[in-house]
Each structure stands twice: as structure tokens, then as C-alpha cells.
């Protein structure tokens, strides 16, 4: 099972070597930094498998077809994973914004630039 993503029958064998979970729980295409999230987002935006292969040239077209096929057969499970990833990213972003506020950043940068000119 891919952290909340069920693999069924032969799909398990086909995807086991293609998608690997990193130390942060993010599913990536084996041998690349390309995330499952990125591929599915592009697909949801209307990109074909061939277009996705052009966008992510480190991922073989055959692997993209397998991943998209798994997504279409198990959309609810994959969407659940993607939703959890989005929540995690939002929490990290909020933490960063609290630690490193950007309010007034543009004005400070412009002020520095004009002072050094």
C-alpha cells in the first residue's frame, strides 16, 4: 500500500518499483525528484500523458501511463493522499510565515536598493 494508496493485484507489482516514498512520506518517481503530486496535478490540469512526459522528462512515458492508470482506478485513495499532502504543506507554510514574516519585505528591499544606488 502506498501510504493510504491501495495497490491492487498486478498494479502493486507494476508500481512498486516506480513510486518510492521518501523520508518525509512523499511519493516520488523512482530515481527522480518528481512527485506523484506533480504528475497528478498536471493531469488534473488537462495535460495528456505525452505532455506530462515533456514536462517531466526524467519520467518515462510508460511509467506515466502506469501512474495515471493507477490514479484513475484508485482516485479516491490517491486524492486522500494528495489532500493530506496539501494540509501538511499548508501547515509548513504557516509555520514559515510566522517565523519569517514577509510583511513589508518589498518596501525593505526597495529601500536597500535605493540606498546602495
N, C-alpha and C. Protein backbone atom coordinates (compact mmCIF):
# COMPACT_ATOMS: atom_id res chain seq x y z
N UNK A 1 0.85 -1.18 0.00
CA UNK A 1 0.00 0.00 0.00
C UNK A 1 0.89 1.23 0.00
N UNK A 2 0.55 2.22 -0.76
CA UNK A 2 1.28 3.48 -0.81
C UNK A 2 0.65 4.44 0.17
N UNK A 3 1.15 4.50 1.39
CA UNK A 3 0.67 5.41 2.45
C UNK A 3 -0.73 5.92 2.18
N UNK A 4 -1.70 5.10 2.38
CA UNK A 4 -3.07 5.49 2.15
C UNK A 4 -3.53 5.26 0.73
N UNK A 5 -2.62 4.80 -0.12
CA UNK A 5 -2.96 4.50 -1.50
C UNK A 5 -2.89 2.99 -1.66
N UNK A 6 -3.99 2.37 -2.00
CA UNK A 6 -4.03 0.92 -2.13
C UNK A 6 -3.53 0.52 -3.51
N UNK A 7 -2.71 -0.52 -3.51
CA UNK A 7 -2.27 -1.11 -4.77
C UNK A 7 -2.94 -2.47 -4.89
N UNK A 8 -3.58 -2.73 -6.00
CA UNK A 8 -4.34 -3.96 -6.18
C UNK A 8 -3.65 -4.86 -7.20
N UNK A 9 -3.57 -6.14 -6.85
CA UNK A 9 -3.12 -7.18 -7.77
C UNK A 9 -1.87 -6.83 -8.54
N UNK A 10 -1.95 -6.93 -9.87
CA UNK A 10 -0.78 -6.71 -10.71
C UNK A 10 -0.32 -5.25 -10.66
N UNK A 11 -1.22 -4.34 -10.32
CA UNK A 11 -0.83 -2.93 -10.22
C UNK A 11 0.22 -2.78 -9.13
N UNK A 12 0.11 -3.55 -8.05
CA UNK A 12 1.10 -3.49 -6.98
C UNK A 12 2.48 -3.81 -7.54
N UNK A 13 2.57 -4.87 -8.32
CA UNK A 13 3.85 -5.27 -8.90
C UNK A 13 4.37 -4.22 -9.87
N UNK A 14 3.49 -3.62 -10.64
CA UNK A 14 3.91 -2.65 -11.63
C UNK A 14 4.35 -1.33 -11.01
N UNK A 15 3.71 -0.91 -9.91
CA UNK A 15 4.03 0.39 -9.32
C UNK A 15 5.07 0.32 -8.21
N UNK A 16 5.29 -0.86 -7.63
CA UNK A 16 6.22 -0.96 -6.51
C UNK A 16 7.59 -0.40 -6.83
N UNK A 17 8.13 -0.65 -8.00
CA UNK A 17 9.45 -0.13 -8.34
C UNK A 17 9.42 1.26 -8.96
N UNK A 18 8.24 1.76 -9.26
CA UNK A 18 8.12 3.05 -9.94
C UNK A 18 7.96 4.18 -8.94
N UNK A 19 7.14 4.00 -7.92
CA UNK A 19 6.93 5.03 -6.90
C UNK A 19 7.58 4.60 -5.60
N UNK A 20 8.39 5.48 -5.04
CA UNK A 20 9.04 5.22 -3.77
C UNK A 20 8.73 6.36 -2.81
N UNK A 21 8.52 5.99 -1.55
CA UNK A 21 8.21 7.00 -0.54
C UNK A 21 9.52 7.49 0.08
N UNK A 22 9.71 8.81 0.13
CA UNK A 22 10.93 9.36 0.72
C UNK A 22 10.81 9.46 2.24
N UNK A 23 11.84 9.98 2.88
CA UNK A 23 11.86 10.04 4.34
C UNK A 23 10.81 10.97 4.93
N UNK A 24 10.20 11.81 4.10
CA UNK A 24 9.16 12.73 4.56
C UNK A 24 7.75 12.22 4.24
N UNK A 25 7.67 11.03 3.68
CA UNK A 25 6.37 10.45 3.35
C UNK A 25 5.83 10.86 2.00
N UNK A 26 6.67 11.50 1.19
CA UNK A 26 6.25 11.97 -0.14
C UNK A 26 6.56 10.88 -1.16
N UNK A 27 5.59 10.59 -2.00
CA UNK A 27 5.79 9.60 -3.06
C UNK A 27 6.43 10.26 -4.26
N UNK A 28 7.56 9.68 -4.70
CA UNK A 28 8.32 10.19 -5.84
C UNK A 28 8.53 9.07 -6.86
N UNK A 29 8.72 9.47 -8.10
CA UNK A 29 9.04 8.50 -9.14
C UNK A 29 10.47 8.04 -8.88
N UNK A 30 10.66 6.75 -8.84
CA UNK A 30 11.96 6.16 -8.53
C UNK A 30 13.07 6.75 -9.40
N UNK A 31 14.16 7.12 -8.74
CA UNK A 31 15.32 7.65 -9.45
C UNK A 31 15.20 9.11 -9.85
N UNK A 32 14.13 9.78 -9.42
CA UNK A 32 13.92 11.18 -9.77
C UNK A 32 13.48 11.95 -8.52
N UNK A 33 13.36 13.25 -8.67
CA UNK A 33 12.78 14.08 -7.61
C UNK A 33 11.32 14.43 -7.91
N UNK A 34 10.78 13.86 -8.97
CA UNK A 34 9.42 14.14 -9.41
C UNK A 34 8.42 13.48 -8.46
N UNK A 35 7.49 14.28 -7.94
CA UNK A 35 6.50 13.76 -7.01
C UNK A 35 5.25 13.27 -7.73
N UNK A 36 4.58 12.33 -7.07
CA UNK A 36 3.27 11.88 -7.54
C UNK A 36 2.34 13.08 -7.63
N UNK A 37 2.43 13.96 -6.64
CA UNK A 37 1.59 15.16 -6.60
C UNK A 37 1.72 15.97 -7.90
N UNK A 38 2.96 16.15 -8.35
CA UNK A 38 3.21 16.95 -9.56
C UNK A 38 2.58 16.33 -10.79
N UNK A 39 2.72 15.01 -10.91
CA UNK A 39 2.17 14.33 -12.08
C UNK A 39 0.64 14.40 -12.09
N UNK A 40 0.04 14.16 -10.94
CA UNK A 40 -1.42 14.17 -10.87
C UNK A 40 -1.95 15.59 -11.05
N UNK A 41 -1.28 16.58 -10.48
CA UNK A 41 -1.71 17.97 -10.67
C UNK A 41 -1.71 18.33 -12.16
N UNK A 42 -0.66 17.97 -12.85
CA UNK A 42 -0.58 18.27 -14.28
C UNK A 42 -1.69 17.56 -15.04
N UNK A 43 -1.96 16.31 -14.68
CA UNK A 43 -3.04 15.55 -15.32
C UNK A 43 -4.38 16.21 -15.08
N UNK A 44 -4.61 16.64 -13.83
CA UNK A 44 -5.88 17.31 -13.49
C UNK A 44 -6.05 18.62 -14.23
N UNK A 45 -4.94 19.25 -14.60
CA UNK A 45 -5.00 20.50 -15.35
C UNK A 45 -5.25 20.27 -16.83
N UNK A 46 -5.40 19.00 -17.22
CA UNK A 46 -5.75 18.68 -18.59
C UNK A 46 -4.60 18.19 -19.45
N UNK A 47 -3.42 18.01 -18.87
CA UNK A 47 -2.27 17.54 -19.65
C UNK A 47 -2.42 16.06 -19.98
N UNK A 48 -2.03 15.71 -21.19
CA UNK A 48 -2.02 14.30 -21.59
C UNK A 48 -0.76 13.65 -21.03
N UNK A 49 -0.70 12.33 -21.11
CA UNK A 49 0.50 11.62 -20.64
C UNK A 49 1.73 12.09 -21.41
N UNK A 50 1.57 12.32 -22.70
CA UNK A 50 2.70 12.77 -23.52
C UNK A 50 3.17 14.16 -23.11
N UNK A 51 2.23 15.05 -22.80
CA UNK A 51 2.59 16.40 -22.34
C UNK A 51 3.29 16.32 -21.00
N UNK A 52 2.80 15.46 -20.12
CA UNK A 52 3.44 15.29 -18.81
C UNK A 52 4.86 14.77 -18.99
N UNK A 53 5.05 13.85 -19.92
CA UNK A 53 6.39 13.32 -20.19
C UNK A 53 7.32 14.43 -20.69
N UNK A 54 6.79 15.38 -21.46
CA UNK A 54 7.58 16.53 -21.90
C UNK A 54 7.91 17.44 -20.73
N UNK A 55 6.96 17.63 -19.82
CA UNK A 55 7.17 18.49 -18.66
C UNK A 55 8.15 17.88 -17.67
N UNK A 56 8.11 16.57 -17.52
CA UNK A 56 8.94 15.85 -16.56
C UNK A 56 9.75 14.81 -17.33
N UNK A 57 10.76 15.27 -18.04
CA UNK A 57 11.48 14.37 -18.95
C UNK A 57 12.29 13.29 -18.24
N UNK A 58 12.41 13.35 -16.92
CA UNK A 58 13.10 12.30 -16.17
C UNK A 58 12.22 11.07 -15.98
N UNK A 59 10.93 11.21 -16.27
CA UNK A 59 9.98 10.12 -16.06
C UNK A 59 9.60 9.51 -17.41
N UNK A 60 9.86 8.21 -17.58
CA UNK A 60 9.49 7.56 -18.84
C UNK A 60 7.98 7.59 -19.08
N UNK A 61 7.60 7.74 -20.32
CA UNK A 61 6.19 7.80 -20.70
C UNK A 61 5.43 6.56 -20.20
N UNK A 62 6.03 5.39 -20.31
CA UNK A 62 5.36 4.17 -19.86
C UNK A 62 5.03 4.24 -18.37
N UNK A 63 5.94 4.81 -17.56
CA UNK A 63 5.69 4.95 -16.13
C UNK A 63 4.56 5.95 -15.87
N UNK A 64 4.51 6.99 -16.66
CA UNK A 64 3.43 7.98 -16.51
C UNK A 64 2.08 7.32 -16.79
N UNK A 65 2.02 6.51 -17.83
CA UNK A 65 0.76 5.80 -18.12
C UNK A 65 0.37 4.89 -16.96
N UNK A 66 1.32 4.17 -16.39
CA UNK A 66 1.01 3.29 -15.26
C UNK A 66 0.51 4.08 -14.06
N UNK A 67 1.18 5.19 -13.77
CA UNK A 67 0.79 6.02 -12.63
C UNK A 67 -0.60 6.63 -12.84
N UNK A 68 -0.84 7.15 -14.04
CA UNK A 68 -2.16 7.73 -14.33
C UNK A 68 -3.25 6.67 -14.31
N UNK A 69 -2.93 5.48 -14.82
CA UNK A 69 -3.89 4.38 -14.78
C UNK A 69 -4.24 4.01 -13.35
N UNK A 70 -3.24 3.96 -12.50
CA UNK A 70 -3.49 3.67 -11.09
C UNK A 70 -4.34 4.77 -10.47
N UNK A 71 -4.03 6.02 -10.81
CA UNK A 71 -4.82 7.14 -10.29
C UNK A 71 -6.29 7.02 -10.70
N UNK A 72 -6.52 6.73 -11.95
CA UNK A 72 -7.90 6.64 -12.43
C UNK A 72 -8.66 5.49 -11.79
N UNK A 73 -7.97 4.39 -11.50
CA UNK A 73 -8.62 3.24 -10.87
C UNK A 73 -8.80 3.43 -9.37
N UNK A 74 -7.99 4.28 -8.76
CA UNK A 74 -7.98 4.44 -7.30
C UNK A 74 -8.02 5.92 -6.92
N UNK A 75 -8.85 6.66 -7.63
CA UNK A 75 -8.86 8.11 -7.49
C UNK A 75 -9.16 8.56 -6.05
N UNK A 76 -10.07 7.90 -5.39
CA UNK A 76 -10.43 8.31 -4.03
C UNK A 76 -9.23 8.18 -3.08
N UNK A 77 -8.52 7.06 -3.16
CA UNK A 77 -7.36 6.87 -2.29
C UNK A 77 -6.24 7.86 -2.60
N UNK A 78 -5.96 8.04 -3.87
CA UNK A 78 -4.89 8.97 -4.26
C UNK A 78 -5.28 10.40 -3.88
N UNK A 79 -6.53 10.77 -4.09
CA UNK A 79 -6.98 12.11 -3.72
C UNK A 79 -6.87 12.33 -2.22
N UNK A 80 -7.12 11.27 -1.42
CA UNK A 80 -6.95 11.37 0.03
C UNK A 80 -5.50 11.65 0.39
N UNK A 81 -4.58 10.96 -0.27
CA UNK A 81 -3.15 11.20 -0.05
C UNK A 81 -2.79 12.64 -0.44
N UNK A 82 -3.27 13.08 -1.59
CA UNK A 82 -2.96 14.43 -2.06
C UNK A 82 -3.51 15.49 -1.11
N UNK A 83 -4.69 15.23 -0.56
CA UNK A 83 -5.28 16.17 0.39
C UNK A 83 -4.42 16.25 1.66
N UNK A 84 -3.93 15.11 2.13
CA UNK A 84 -3.05 15.11 3.31
C UNK A 84 -1.76 15.87 3.01
N UNK A 85 -1.22 15.69 1.83
CA UNK A 85 0.00 16.41 1.44
C UNK A 85 -0.25 17.92 1.42
N UNK A 86 -1.40 18.32 0.91
CA UNK A 86 -1.76 19.73 0.85
C UNK A 86 -1.88 20.31 2.25
N UNK A 87 -2.51 19.57 3.16
CA UNK A 87 -2.64 20.02 4.55
C UNK A 87 -1.27 20.19 5.19
N UNK A 88 -0.41 19.23 4.96
CA UNK A 88 0.94 19.28 5.52
C UNK A 88 1.71 20.49 4.96
N UNK A 89 1.61 20.72 3.68
CA UNK A 89 2.28 21.86 3.06
C UNK A 89 1.74 23.18 3.60
N UNK A 90 0.43 23.26 3.79
CA UNK A 90 -0.18 24.48 4.35
C UNK A 90 0.32 24.74 5.76
N UNK A 91 0.44 23.68 6.57
CA UNK A 91 0.92 23.84 7.94
C UNK A 91 2.37 24.31 7.95
N UNK A 92 3.18 23.77 7.07
CA UNK A 92 4.58 24.19 6.99
C UNK A 92 4.68 25.64 6.53
N UNK A 93 3.85 26.01 5.54
CA UNK A 93 3.85 27.39 5.05
C UNK A 93 3.45 28.37 6.16
N UNK A 94 2.43 28.01 6.92
CA UNK A 94 2.00 28.88 8.03
C UNK A 94 3.10 29.03 9.07
N UNK A 95 3.80 27.94 9.35
CA UNK A 95 4.90 27.98 10.32
C UNK A 95 6.01 28.91 9.82
N UNK A 96 6.36 28.79 8.54
CA UNK A 96 7.38 29.66 7.95
C UNK A 96 6.96 31.12 8.01
N UNK A 97 5.72 31.38 7.67
CA UNK A 97 5.24 32.76 7.66
C UNK A 97 5.24 33.38 9.05
N UNK A 98 5.01 32.55 10.07
CA UNK A 98 5.06 33.06 11.44
C UNK A 98 6.51 33.33 11.87
N UNK A 99 7.41 32.44 11.48
CA UNK A 99 8.82 32.61 11.87
C UNK A 99 9.51 33.70 11.05
N UNK A 100 9.16 33.82 9.80
CA UNK A 100 9.81 34.75 8.89
C UNK A 100 8.77 35.59 8.16
N UNK A 101 8.17 36.55 8.84
CA UNK A 101 7.11 37.35 8.22
C UNK A 101 7.63 38.14 7.01
N UNK A 102 6.80 38.20 6.00
CA UNK A 102 7.18 38.92 4.78
C UNK A 102 6.49 40.27 4.67
N UNK A 103 5.69 40.63 5.69
CA UNK A 103 5.00 41.92 5.65
C UNK A 103 6.04 43.04 5.55
N UNK A 104 5.92 43.87 4.55
CA UNK A 104 6.83 44.99 4.36
C UNK A 104 8.14 44.61 3.70
N UNK A 105 8.28 43.37 3.30
CA UNK A 105 9.53 42.90 2.69
C UNK A 105 9.87 43.67 1.42
N UNK A 106 8.90 43.87 0.57
CA UNK A 106 9.14 44.58 -0.69
C UNK A 106 9.65 45.99 -0.42
N UNK A 107 9.04 46.67 0.52
CA UNK A 107 9.48 48.03 0.86
C UNK A 107 10.91 48.03 1.40
N UNK A 108 11.24 47.05 2.25
CA UNK A 108 12.60 46.97 2.79
C UNK A 108 13.62 46.71 1.70
N UNK A 109 13.28 45.83 0.77
CA UNK A 109 14.20 45.52 -0.33
C UNK A 109 14.39 46.74 -1.24
N UNK A 110 13.31 47.42 -1.55
CA UNK A 110 13.43 48.62 -2.40
C UNK A 110 14.22 49.71 -1.69
N UNK A 111 14.05 49.82 -0.41
CA UNK A 111 14.80 50.80 0.39
C UNK A 111 16.29 50.49 0.35
N UNK A 112 16.65 49.24 0.50
CA UNK A 112 18.07 48.83 0.42
C UNK A 112 18.64 49.11 -0.96
N UNK A 113 17.86 48.83 -1.98
CA UNK A 113 18.35 49.03 -3.34
C UNK A 113 18.60 50.51 -3.61
N UNK A 114 17.68 51.36 -3.19
CA UNK A 114 17.86 52.80 -3.43
C UNK A 114 18.99 53.35 -2.57
N UNK A 115 19.22 52.78 -1.39
CA UNK A 115 20.31 53.25 -0.50
C UNK A 115 21.67 52.88 -1.09
N UNK A 116 21.76 51.76 -1.78
CA UNK A 116 23.04 51.33 -2.34
C UNK A 116 23.31 51.94 -3.73
N UNK A 117 22.32 52.57 -4.31
CA UNK A 117 22.49 53.15 -5.65
C UNK A 117 23.15 54.51 -5.62
